[in-house]
Structures are given as structure tokens and as C-alpha cells.
Amino acid sequence: MIGLGTAIGGAVAIAAVSTLGDFIWATAIPQHRPLYGLTHGTLLLLCVGLYLGMRAHKPILGAWAGALIGLLAAASFYVLAPMAGYSAMFPSWIGLWVALGLVNGRVLHTQAGTREVLARGMAAAVASGIVFYAISGIWLPFRPRGWDYLLHFGAWTVAYLPGFAALLVTRRSV
């Protein structure tokens, strides 16, 4: 398989960014406001897009695309949250992986076919969505000053790995 190391590297790098985000939310943000969530989503996915873009030698395009995806995913959360509460995070998470699949396969790597791009994006969305759901208890009970951030880092790494693997890992051609 080609790209497994890159997928692991992406998962670890973005897990570090997410863990930093958890720490900032817990220690520096006195109360949840949509502006903070929109900023968080934009910056986090800017980093994901930058990582994907660096692989394709298009870091600025990747960063911009990631930032837009992050902003839209965060905005979708705030649109859905009044009806679904914090469960709105799950469709937003799935949507962002489908969008990342499209950007990675059609914008950053234009040789990929539409069927492959959608299959990779959906695989990333479903696999990482299942793991994201499994680790979503890392914020409970809500005692941010007592959280184990090493646990958060590990949980985020595991949550991001299926998504990055679906987008980046290919079979070695014979």
C-alpha cells in the first residue's frame, strides 16, 4: 500500500491541532459563541487542507479549500444544532469528509475520476464518522480543567486516521 505513512502523519498532525483546539476551548473561551465555533472549524480545516495541499504541491489552494470546508461545516453545525443539539456535529463531520474527498481528488489531484473521488470521500466520511462517534465522549463529563489531553490526542488520532487513509492510501500497482 502506498500512502499509509502519509495518512498516519496527517492523522497525528491534525490530532495535535484538534487537541490544541480542545485546550483553547477549555481554558481560554469563557462561553460557547458561534463566532468561536466558526473560527475553530475554519482554522482546523485550513490545517487539513494545507496538509493535503502540501502533498499535491498546492499548499495554498489546499489551505483555502480546507478553510472554506471548515467554515461551511461549522456553519452547518450551527444551522442544525437548534434541532439536533450537539448531535449536529456528526452530519457536519461526515459532510466535511465528503467535501475533502472532492477537493483532494478533483482540485488537488485532477486525474482522479468522479466515481473514485466520491467513493473515497464517502469511505472517509463513514469510517471516520463511526470512529468520531466512538470517541465523542472525550468531552464528558465536562470538566475541561481535568481533561487528559494525551487521551484527547490519541482519540483524535484514531478519529482522523480512517478519513486520511480513505483519501490517501492506494494499492501498489503491479
N, C-alpha and C. Protein backbone atom coordinates (compact mmCIF):
# COMPACT_ATOMS: atom_id res chain seq x y z
N MET A 1 0.84 -1.18 0.00
CA MET A 1 0.00 0.00 0.00
C MET A 1 0.88 1.23 0.00
N ILE A 2 0.43 2.22 -0.73
CA ILE A 2 1.15 3.48 -0.82
C ILE A 2 0.34 4.54 -0.08
N GLY A 3 0.99 5.33 0.73
CA GLY A 3 0.34 6.45 1.38
C GLY A 3 -0.08 6.21 2.82
N LEU A 4 0.16 5.01 3.36
CA LEU A 4 -0.25 4.75 4.74
C LEU A 4 0.52 5.66 5.71
N GLY A 5 1.82 5.82 5.47
CA GLY A 5 2.61 6.72 6.33
C GLY A 5 2.11 8.15 6.25
N THR A 6 1.72 8.58 5.06
CA THR A 6 1.19 9.93 4.88
C THR A 6 -0.14 10.07 5.61
N ALA A 7 -0.99 9.05 5.56
CA ALA A 7 -2.27 9.08 6.27
C ALA A 7 -2.05 9.13 7.78
N ILE A 8 -1.10 8.35 8.27
CA ILE A 8 -0.79 8.38 9.71
C ILE A 8 -0.23 9.74 10.09
N GLY A 9 0.67 10.27 9.26
CA GLY A 9 1.22 11.60 9.53
C GLY A 9 0.15 12.67 9.58
N GLY A 10 -0.81 12.61 8.65
CA GLY A 10 -1.92 13.57 8.65
C GLY A 10 -2.77 13.43 9.90
N ALA A 11 -3.07 12.19 10.28
CA ALA A 11 -3.89 11.96 11.47
C ALA A 11 -3.20 12.50 12.72
N VAL A 12 -1.90 12.26 12.84
CA VAL A 12 -1.15 12.73 14.01
C VAL A 12 -1.07 14.26 14.02
N ALA A 13 -0.77 14.85 12.86
CA ALA A 13 -0.64 16.32 12.79
C ALA A 13 -1.96 17.01 13.13
N ILE A 14 -3.04 16.53 12.55
CA ILE A 14 -4.33 17.19 12.79
C ILE A 14 -4.87 16.84 14.17
N ALA A 15 -4.52 15.68 14.71
CA ALA A 15 -4.88 15.37 16.09
C ALA A 15 -4.22 16.35 17.04
N ALA A 16 -2.98 16.74 16.75
CA ALA A 16 -2.30 17.74 17.58
C ALA A 16 -3.03 19.08 17.51
N VAL A 17 -3.46 19.46 16.32
CA VAL A 17 -4.19 20.72 16.15
C VAL A 17 -5.54 20.64 16.89
N SER A 18 -6.23 19.52 16.77
CA SER A 18 -7.52 19.36 17.46
C SER A 18 -7.37 19.37 18.97
N THR A 19 -6.31 18.74 19.46
CA THR A 19 -6.07 18.73 20.90
C THR A 19 -5.77 20.14 21.40
N LEU A 20 -4.99 20.89 20.64
CA LEU A 20 -4.76 22.29 20.98
C LEU A 20 -6.08 23.05 20.98
N GLY A 21 -6.94 22.78 20.00
CA GLY A 21 -8.26 23.40 19.96
C GLY A 21 -9.08 23.06 21.20
N ASP A 22 -9.06 21.80 21.62
CA ASP A 22 -9.78 21.41 22.84
C ASP A 22 -9.25 22.18 24.04
N PHE A 23 -7.92 22.31 24.12
CA PHE A 23 -7.31 23.03 25.23
C PHE A 23 -7.73 24.50 25.22
N ILE A 24 -7.72 25.12 24.05
CA ILE A 24 -8.12 26.53 23.96
C ILE A 24 -9.58 26.71 24.33
N TRP A 25 -10.45 25.82 23.81
CA TRP A 25 -11.87 25.89 24.17
C TRP A 25 -12.03 25.77 25.69
N ALA A 26 -11.25 24.89 26.30
CA ALA A 26 -11.42 24.61 27.73
C ALA A 26 -10.85 25.69 28.63
N THR A 27 -9.79 26.35 28.20
CA THR A 27 -9.09 27.26 29.10
C THR A 27 -9.21 28.74 28.75
N ALA A 28 -9.50 29.06 27.50
CA ALA A 28 -9.46 30.48 27.11
C ALA A 28 -10.80 31.02 26.62
N ILE A 29 -11.77 30.17 26.42
CA ILE A 29 -13.06 30.63 25.89
C ILE A 29 -14.09 30.49 27.00
N PRO A 30 -14.56 31.63 27.53
CA PRO A 30 -15.45 31.58 28.69
C PRO A 30 -16.82 30.99 28.40
N GLN A 31 -17.36 31.20 27.20
CA GLN A 31 -18.63 30.57 26.86
C GLN A 31 -18.70 30.37 25.35
N HIS A 32 -19.47 29.37 24.97
CA HIS A 32 -19.57 29.00 23.56
C HIS A 32 -20.35 30.07 22.79
N ARG A 33 -19.73 30.58 21.75
CA ARG A 33 -20.40 31.51 20.83
C ARG A 33 -20.16 31.01 19.41
N PRO A 34 -21.13 31.18 18.53
CA PRO A 34 -20.95 30.72 17.15
C PRO A 34 -19.69 31.27 16.47
N LEU A 35 -19.34 32.50 16.74
CA LEU A 35 -18.14 33.06 16.11
C LEU A 35 -16.90 32.22 16.45
N TYR A 36 -16.81 31.75 17.69
CA TYR A 36 -15.67 30.92 18.08
C TYR A 36 -15.70 29.57 17.35
N GLY A 37 -16.88 29.00 17.23
CA GLY A 37 -17.01 27.72 16.53
C GLY A 37 -16.70 27.85 15.05
N LEU A 38 -17.16 28.93 14.43
CA LEU A 38 -16.87 29.15 13.01
C LEU A 38 -15.36 29.36 12.81
N THR A 39 -14.75 30.09 13.72
CA THR A 39 -13.29 30.31 13.64
C THR A 39 -12.55 29.00 13.84
N HIS A 40 -12.97 28.22 14.83
CA HIS A 40 -12.34 26.93 15.12
C HIS A 40 -12.41 26.01 13.90
N GLY A 41 -13.61 25.87 13.33
CA GLY A 41 -13.78 24.99 12.17
C GLY A 41 -12.95 25.46 10.98
N THR A 42 -12.93 26.76 10.76
CA THR A 42 -12.16 27.31 9.64
C THR A 42 -10.68 27.04 9.81
N LEU A 43 -10.14 27.32 10.99
CA LEU A 43 -8.70 27.13 11.21
C LEU A 43 -8.30 25.66 11.22
N LEU A 44 -9.13 24.82 11.81
CA LEU A 44 -8.82 23.39 11.86
C LEU A 44 -8.77 22.81 10.45
N LEU A 45 -9.78 23.10 9.65
CA LEU A 45 -9.81 22.53 8.30
C LEU A 45 -8.84 23.24 7.36
N LEU A 46 -8.45 24.47 7.68
CA LEU A 46 -7.35 25.10 6.94
C LEU A 46 -6.11 24.23 7.09
N CYS A 47 -5.87 23.74 8.30
CA CYS A 47 -4.70 22.87 8.54
C CYS A 47 -4.83 21.56 7.78
N VAL A 48 -6.02 20.98 7.75
CA VAL A 48 -6.23 19.74 6.99
C VAL A 48 -5.99 20.00 5.50
N GLY A 49 -6.56 21.08 4.99
CA GLY A 49 -6.37 21.42 3.58
C GLY A 49 -4.91 21.71 3.25
N LEU A 50 -4.23 22.37 4.16
CA LEU A 50 -2.81 22.65 3.97
C LEU A 50 -2.03 21.34 3.88
N TYR A 51 -2.33 20.40 4.76
CA TYR A 51 -1.66 19.10 4.73
C TYR A 51 -1.91 18.38 3.40
N LEU A 52 -3.17 18.32 2.99
CA LEU A 52 -3.49 17.66 1.72
C LEU A 52 -2.87 18.42 0.55
N GLY A 53 -2.90 19.74 0.61
CA GLY A 53 -2.32 20.55 -0.45
C GLY A 53 -0.82 20.42 -0.55
N MET A 54 -0.15 20.28 0.58
CA MET A 54 1.31 20.09 0.56
C MET A 54 1.67 18.80 -0.16
N ARG A 55 0.88 17.79 0.03
CA ARG A 55 1.11 16.51 -0.67
C ARG A 55 1.01 16.68 -2.18
N ALA A 56 0.12 17.56 -2.61
CA ALA A 56 -0.12 17.76 -4.04
C ALA A 56 0.70 18.92 -4.60
N HIS A 57 1.58 19.48 -3.78
CA HIS A 57 2.39 20.64 -4.17
C HIS A 57 1.53 21.85 -4.49
N LYS A 58 0.39 21.94 -3.79
CA LYS A 58 -0.54 23.06 -3.93
C LYS A 58 -1.00 23.49 -2.53
N PRO A 59 -0.05 23.88 -1.67
CA PRO A 59 -0.43 24.14 -0.27
C PRO A 59 -1.41 25.29 -0.09
N ILE A 60 -1.27 26.34 -0.87
CA ILE A 60 -2.15 27.49 -0.68
C ILE A 60 -3.57 27.15 -1.14
N LEU A 61 -3.68 26.49 -2.27
CA LEU A 61 -5.00 26.06 -2.75
C LEU A 61 -5.64 25.11 -1.74
N GLY A 62 -4.86 24.16 -1.23
CA GLY A 62 -5.38 23.24 -0.24
C GLY A 62 -5.83 23.94 1.03
N ALA A 63 -5.03 24.91 1.48
CA ALA A 63 -5.39 25.64 2.70
C ALA A 63 -6.68 26.43 2.51
N TRP A 64 -6.80 27.11 1.39
CA TRP A 64 -8.02 27.89 1.13
C TRP A 64 -9.24 26.97 1.04
N ALA A 65 -9.10 25.87 0.31
CA ALA A 65 -10.21 24.93 0.17
C ALA A 65 -10.59 24.35 1.53
N GLY A 66 -9.59 23.98 2.32
CA GLY A 66 -9.86 23.45 3.65
C GLY A 66 -10.55 24.46 4.54
N ALA A 67 -10.09 25.71 4.49
CA ALA A 67 -10.72 26.76 5.30
C ALA A 67 -12.19 26.94 4.92
N LEU A 68 -12.48 26.93 3.63
CA LEU A 68 -13.87 27.07 3.18
C LEU A 68 -14.71 25.88 3.65
N ILE A 69 -14.16 24.68 3.53
CA ILE A 69 -14.87 23.48 4.01
C ILE A 69 -15.12 23.60 5.51
N GLY A 70 -14.11 24.04 6.25
CA GLY A 70 -14.26 24.17 7.70
C GLY A 70 -15.32 25.18 8.08
N LEU A 71 -15.34 26.30 7.38
CA LEU A 71 -16.35 27.33 7.64
C LEU A 71 -17.75 26.79 7.35
N LEU A 72 -17.90 26.12 6.21
CA LEU A 72 -19.21 25.57 5.84
C LEU A 72 -19.65 24.45 6.80
N ALA A 73 -18.71 23.60 7.20
CA ALA A 73 -19.05 22.52 8.14
C ALA A 73 -19.47 23.10 9.49
N ALA A 74 -18.74 24.10 9.97
CA ALA A 74 -19.10 24.73 11.25
C ALA A 74 -20.45 25.43 11.13
N ALA A 75 -20.67 26.12 10.01
CA ALA A 75 -21.95 26.80 9.81
C ALA A 75 -23.09 25.78 9.76
N SER A 76 -22.85 24.62 9.13
CA SER A 76 -23.90 23.60 9.08
C SER A 76 -24.24 23.12 10.49
N PHE A 77 -23.22 23.03 11.35
CA PHE A 77 -23.48 22.64 12.73
C PHE A 77 -24.42 23.65 13.39
N TYR A 78 -24.16 24.93 13.22
CA TYR A 78 -24.98 25.95 13.88
C TYR A 78 -26.38 26.03 13.28
N VAL A 79 -26.54 25.63 12.03
CA VAL A 79 -27.88 25.57 11.43
C VAL A 79 -28.65 24.38 11.99
N LEU A 80 -27.96 23.24 12.16
CA LEU A 80 -28.62 22.01 12.62
C LEU A 80 -28.76 21.93 14.14
N ALA A 81 -27.89 22.58 14.88
CA ALA A 81 -27.86 22.45 16.34
C ALA A 81 -29.17 22.81 17.03
N PRO A 82 -29.90 23.83 16.60
CA PRO A 82 -31.17 24.11 17.30
C PRO A 82 -32.15 22.94 17.25
N MET A 83 -32.05 22.10 16.22
CA MET A 83 -32.95 20.95 16.11
C MET A 83 -32.35 19.68 16.71
N ALA A 84 -31.02 19.53 16.59
CA ALA A 84 -30.39 18.26 16.94
C ALA A 84 -29.42 18.35 18.12
N GLY A 85 -29.19 19.54 18.65
CA GLY A 85 -28.22 19.69 19.73
C GLY A 85 -26.82 19.37 19.25
N TYR A 86 -26.00 18.88 20.16
CA TYR A 86 -24.61 18.58 19.79
C TYR A 86 -24.50 17.39 18.83
N SER A 87 -25.58 16.64 18.64
CA SER A 87 -25.57 15.56 17.65
C SER A 87 -25.39 16.10 16.24
N ALA A 88 -25.64 17.39 16.04
CA ALA A 88 -25.45 18.02 14.73
C ALA A 88 -24.00 17.94 14.28
N MET A 89 -23.10 17.68 15.22
CA MET A 89 -21.69 17.55 14.86
C MET A 89 -21.46 16.39 13.89
N PHE A 90 -22.24 15.33 14.01
CA PHE A 90 -22.00 14.13 13.20
C PHE A 90 -22.28 14.35 11.71
N PRO A 91 -23.43 14.91 11.31
CA PRO A 91 -23.59 15.16 9.88
C PRO A 91 -22.59 16.20 9.35
N SER A 92 -22.23 17.16 10.18
CA SER A 92 -21.23 18.15 9.76
C SER A 92 -19.89 17.47 9.53
N TRP A 93 -19.52 16.56 10.42
CA TRP A 93 -18.27 15.80 10.30
C TRP A 93 -18.26 14.96 9.02
N ILE A 94 -19.37 14.30 8.76
CA ILE A 94 -19.47 13.46 7.56
C ILE A 94 -19.39 14.33 6.30
N GLY A 95 -20.11 15.44 6.30
CA GLY A 95 -20.08 16.35 5.15
C GLY A 95 -18.71 16.89 4.87
N LEU A 96 -17.95 17.21 5.91
CA LEU A 96 -16.62 17.78 5.66
C LEU A 96 -15.70 16.74 5.03
N TRP A 97 -15.85 15.46 5.38
CA TRP A 97 -15.00 14.44 4.77
C TRP A 97 -15.37 14.19 3.31
N VAL A 98 -16.66 14.25 2.99
CA VAL A 98 -17.05 14.13 1.59
C VAL A 98 -16.47 15.29 0.80
N ALA A 99 -16.57 16.50 1.35
CA ALA A 99 -16.01 17.68 0.68
C ALA A 99 -14.49 17.57 0.55
N LEU A 100 -13.81 17.08 1.59
CA LEU A 100 -12.36 16.90 1.49
C LEU A 100 -12.01 15.88 0.41
N GLY A 101 -12.82 14.84 0.28
CA GLY A 101 -12.60 13.87 -0.78
C GLY A 101 -12.70 14.51 -2.16
N LEU A 102 -13.70 15.35 -2.33
CA LEU A 102 -13.86 16.04 -3.62
C LEU A 102 -12.68 16.98 -3.89
N VAL A 103 -12.29 17.74 -2.89
CA VAL A 103 -11.17 18.67 -3.07
C VAL A 103 -9.88 17.90 -3.34
N ASN A 104 -9.63 16.87 -2.55
CA ASN A 104 -8.39 16.11 -2.73
C ASN A 104 -8.34 15.43 -4.09
N GLY A 105 -9.46 14.87 -4.52
CA GLY A 105 -9.47 14.10 -5.75
C GLY A 105 -9.70 14.89 -7.02
N ARG A 106 -10.39 16.02 -6.94
CA ARG A 106 -10.73 16.76 -8.16
C ARG A 106 -10.04 18.11 -8.28
N VAL A 107 -9.61 18.68 -7.18
CA VAL A 107 -8.95 20.00 -7.22
C VAL A 107 -7.44 19.85 -7.06
N LEU A 108 -7.03 19.11 -6.05
CA LEU A 108 -5.59 18.97 -5.79
C LEU A 108 -4.96 17.91 -6.68
N HIS A 109 -5.70 16.85 -6.98
CA HIS A 109 -5.23 15.76 -7.85
C HIS A 109 -6.28 15.57 -8.94
N THR A 110 -6.14 16.27 -10.03
CA THR A 110 -7.20 16.30 -11.04
C THR A 110 -7.32 15.03 -11.87
N GLN A 111 -6.43 14.07 -11.71
CA GLN A 111 -6.50 12.85 -12.51
C GLN A 111 -7.52 11.86 -11.98
N ALA A 112 -8.03 12.04 -10.78
CA ALA A 112 -8.98 11.08 -10.21
C ALA A 112 -10.35 11.22 -10.86
N GLY A 113 -11.00 10.08 -11.09
CA GLY A 113 -12.34 10.07 -11.66
C GLY A 113 -13.39 10.39 -10.62
N THR A 114 -14.54 10.84 -11.06
CA THR A 114 -15.62 11.24 -10.16
C THR A 114 -16.07 10.09 -9.28
N ARG A 115 -16.21 8.90 -9.84
CA ARG A 115 -16.65 7.74 -9.06
C ARG A 115 -15.65 7.44 -7.94
N GLU A 116 -14.37 7.46 -8.27
CA GLU A 116 -13.34 7.20 -7.26
C GLU A 116 -13.34 8.28 -6.17
N VAL A 117 -13.47 9.53 -6.59
CA VAL A 117 -13.47 10.65 -5.64
C VAL A 117 -14.63 10.53 -4.67
N LEU A 118 -15.82 10.26 -5.20
CA LEU A 118 -16.99 10.13 -4.33
C LEU A 118 -16.88 8.90 -3.43
N ALA A 119 -16.35 7.80 -3.95
CA ALA A 119 -16.18 6.59 -3.14
C ALA A 119 -15.20 6.85 -2.01
N ARG A 120 -14.10 7.51 -2.30
CA ARG A 120 -13.11 7.81 -1.25
C ARG A 120 -13.70 8.78 -0.22
N GLY A 121 -14.39 9.80 -0.69
CA GLY A 121 -15.00 10.76 0.23
C GLY A 121 -16.03 10.12 1.12
N MET A 122 -16.87 9.24 0.55
CA MET A 122 -17.88 8.54 1.35
C MET A 122 -17.23 7.56 2.33
N ALA A 123 -16.20 6.86 1.88
CA ALA A 123 -15.49 5.95 2.78
C ALA A 123 -14.87 6.72 3.94
N ALA A 124 -14.27 7.86 3.62
CA ALA A 124 -13.68 8.71 4.67
C ALA A 124 -14.76 9.17 5.63
N ALA A 125 -15.91 9.59 5.08
CA ALA A 125 -17.00 10.10 5.92
C ALA A 125 -17.56 9.02 6.83
N VAL A 126 -17.83 7.85 6.28
CA VAL A 126 -18.44 6.79 7.07
C VAL A 126 -17.46 6.25 8.11
N ALA A 127 -16.26 5.91 7.67
CA ALA A 127 -15.29 5.31 8.60
C ALA A 127 -14.90 6.29 9.70
N SER A 128 -14.57 7.52 9.32
CA SER A 128 -14.17 8.47 10.36
C SER A 128 -15.38 8.90 11.18
N GLY A 129 -16.57 8.89 10.59
CA GLY A 129 -17.78 9.23 11.33
C GLY A 129 -18.07 8.22 12.44
N ILE A 130 -17.88 6.95 12.12
CA ILE A 130 -18.08 5.91 13.14
C ILE A 130 -17.09 6.08 14.28
N VAL A 131 -15.83 6.31 13.94
CA VAL A 131 -14.82 6.47 14.98
C VAL A 131 -15.03 7.78 15.74
N PHE A 132 -15.41 8.84 15.03
CA PHE A 132 -15.70 10.11 15.70
C PHE A 132 -16.80 9.93 16.73
N TYR A 133 -17.85 9.19 16.36
CA TYR A 133 -18.91 8.91 17.31
C TYR A 133 -18.37 8.13 18.51
N ALA A 134 -17.50 7.17 18.25
CA ALA A 134 -16.95 6.34 19.32
C ALA A 134 -16.10 7.15 20.30
N ILE A 135 -15.40 8.18 19.81
CA ILE A 135 -14.53 8.96 20.71
C ILE A 135 -15.21 10.21 21.25
N SER A 136 -16.44 10.47 20.82
CA SER A 136 -17.08 11.75 21.17
C SER A 136 -17.31 11.94 22.67
N GLY A 137 -17.16 10.91 23.44
CA GLY A 137 -17.28 11.04 24.88
C GLY A 137 -16.08 11.69 25.56
N ILE A 138 -15.05 12.05 24.79
CA ILE A 138 -13.86 12.64 25.41
C ILE A 138 -14.16 13.97 26.10
N TRP A 139 -15.28 14.58 25.77
CA TRP A 139 -15.62 15.87 26.39
C TRP A 139 -16.51 15.70 27.61
N LEU A 140 -16.84 14.43 27.95
CA LEU A 140 -17.75 14.19 29.07
C LEU A 140 -17.07 13.37 30.15
N PRO A 141 -17.32 13.61 31.39
CA PRO A 141 -18.07 14.75 31.88
C PRO A 141 -17.32 16.05 31.58
N PHE A 142 -18.08 17.13 31.46
CA PHE A 142 -17.47 18.39 31.08
C PHE A 142 -16.73 19.00 32.26
N ARG A 143 -15.45 18.65 32.35
CA ARG A 143 -14.55 19.21 33.36
C ARG A 143 -13.25 19.56 32.63
N PRO A 144 -13.26 20.59 31.81
CA PRO A 144 -12.12 20.86 30.93
C PRO A 144 -10.78 21.00 31.66
N ARG A 145 -10.79 21.49 32.86
CA ARG A 145 -9.51 21.68 33.55
C ARG A 145 -8.95 20.34 34.04
N GLY A 146 -9.79 19.30 34.03
CA GLY A 146 -9.34 17.99 34.46
C GLY A 146 -9.20 16.98 33.32
N TRP A 147 -9.34 17.44 32.09
CA TRP A 147 -9.25 16.52 30.96
C TRP A 147 -7.83 15.99 30.79
N ASP A 148 -7.74 14.80 30.30
CA ASP A 148 -6.47 14.17 29.97
C ASP A 148 -6.21 14.46 28.48
N TYR A 149 -5.34 15.43 28.22
CA TYR A 149 -5.12 15.84 26.83
C TYR A 149 -4.33 14.82 26.03
N LEU A 150 -3.60 13.95 26.68
CA LEU A 150 -2.96 12.86 25.97
C LEU A 150 -4.03 11.89 25.45
N LEU A 151 -5.06 11.66 26.24
CA LEU A 151 -6.19 10.85 25.80
C LEU A 151 -6.89 11.53 24.62
N HIS A 152 -7.08 12.83 24.69
CA HIS A 152 -7.70 13.56 23.58
C HIS A 152 -6.86 13.40 22.31
N PHE A 153 -5.55 13.56 22.44
CA PHE A 153 -4.66 13.42 21.28
C PHE A 153 -4.79 12.03 20.66
N GLY A 154 -4.78 11.00 21.49
CA GLY A 154 -4.93 9.64 20.98
C GLY A 154 -6.28 9.42 20.33
N ALA A 155 -7.34 9.93 20.95
CA ALA A 155 -8.69 9.78 20.39
C ALA A 155 -8.80 10.50 19.06
N TRP A 156 -8.27 11.70 18.98
CA TRP A 156 -8.31 12.44 17.71
C TRP A 156 -7.49 11.73 16.63
N THR A 157 -6.35 11.19 17.00
CA THR A 157 -5.53 10.47 16.01
C THR A 157 -6.33 9.32 15.43
N VAL A 158 -6.98 8.53 16.30
CA VAL A 158 -7.78 7.40 15.85
C VAL A 158 -8.97 7.87 15.02
N ALA A 159 -9.57 9.01 15.37
CA ALA A 159 -10.73 9.51 14.63
C ALA A 159 -10.35 10.02 13.23
N TYR A 160 -9.18 10.64 13.11
CA TYR A 160 -8.76 11.17 11.80
C TYR A 160 -8.16 10.11 10.88
N LEU A 161 -7.59 9.07 11.45
CA LEU A 161 -6.88 8.09 10.62
C LEU A 161 -7.74 7.45 9.53
N PRO A 162 -8.97 6.99 9.81
CA PRO A 162 -9.75 6.38 8.71
C PRO A 162 -10.03 7.37 7.57
N GLY A 163 -10.26 8.63 7.91
CA GLY A 163 -10.53 9.62 6.88
C GLY A 163 -9.32 9.86 6.00
N PHE A 164 -8.17 10.08 6.64
CA PHE A 164 -6.95 10.28 5.86
C PHE A 164 -6.59 9.03 5.07
N ALA A 165 -6.79 7.86 5.66
CA ALA A 165 -6.47 6.62 4.94
C ALA A 165 -7.36 6.47 3.71
N ALA A 166 -8.65 6.75 3.85
CA ALA A 166 -9.55 6.63 2.70
C ALA A 166 -9.16 7.58 1.58
N LEU A 167 -8.67 8.77 1.93
CA LEU A 167 -8.30 9.75 0.91
C LEU A 167 -6.92 9.51 0.32
N LEU A 168 -6.00 8.94 1.10
CA LEU A 168 -4.60 8.95 0.70
C LEU A 168 -3.99 7.59 0.36
N VAL A 169 -4.55 6.51 0.89
CA VAL A 169 -3.92 5.21 0.68
C VAL A 169 -4.40 4.59 -0.63
N THR A 170 -3.45 4.09 -1.40
CA THR A 170 -3.76 3.40 -2.66
C THR A 170 -3.02 2.07 -2.66
N ARG A 171 -3.47 1.19 -3.53
CA ARG A 171 -2.77 -0.08 -3.69
C ARG A 171 -1.57 0.14 -4.59
N ARG A 172 -0.53 -0.60 -4.30
CA ARG A 172 0.66 -0.56 -5.15
C ARG A 172 0.30 -1.19 -6.48
N SER A 173 0.60 -0.49 -7.57
CA SER A 173 0.29 -1.05 -8.90
C SER A 173 1.30 -2.14 -9.25
N VAL A 174 0.82 -3.16 -9.95
CA VAL A 174 1.66 -4.32 -10.27
C VAL A 174 2.41 -4.10 -11.54
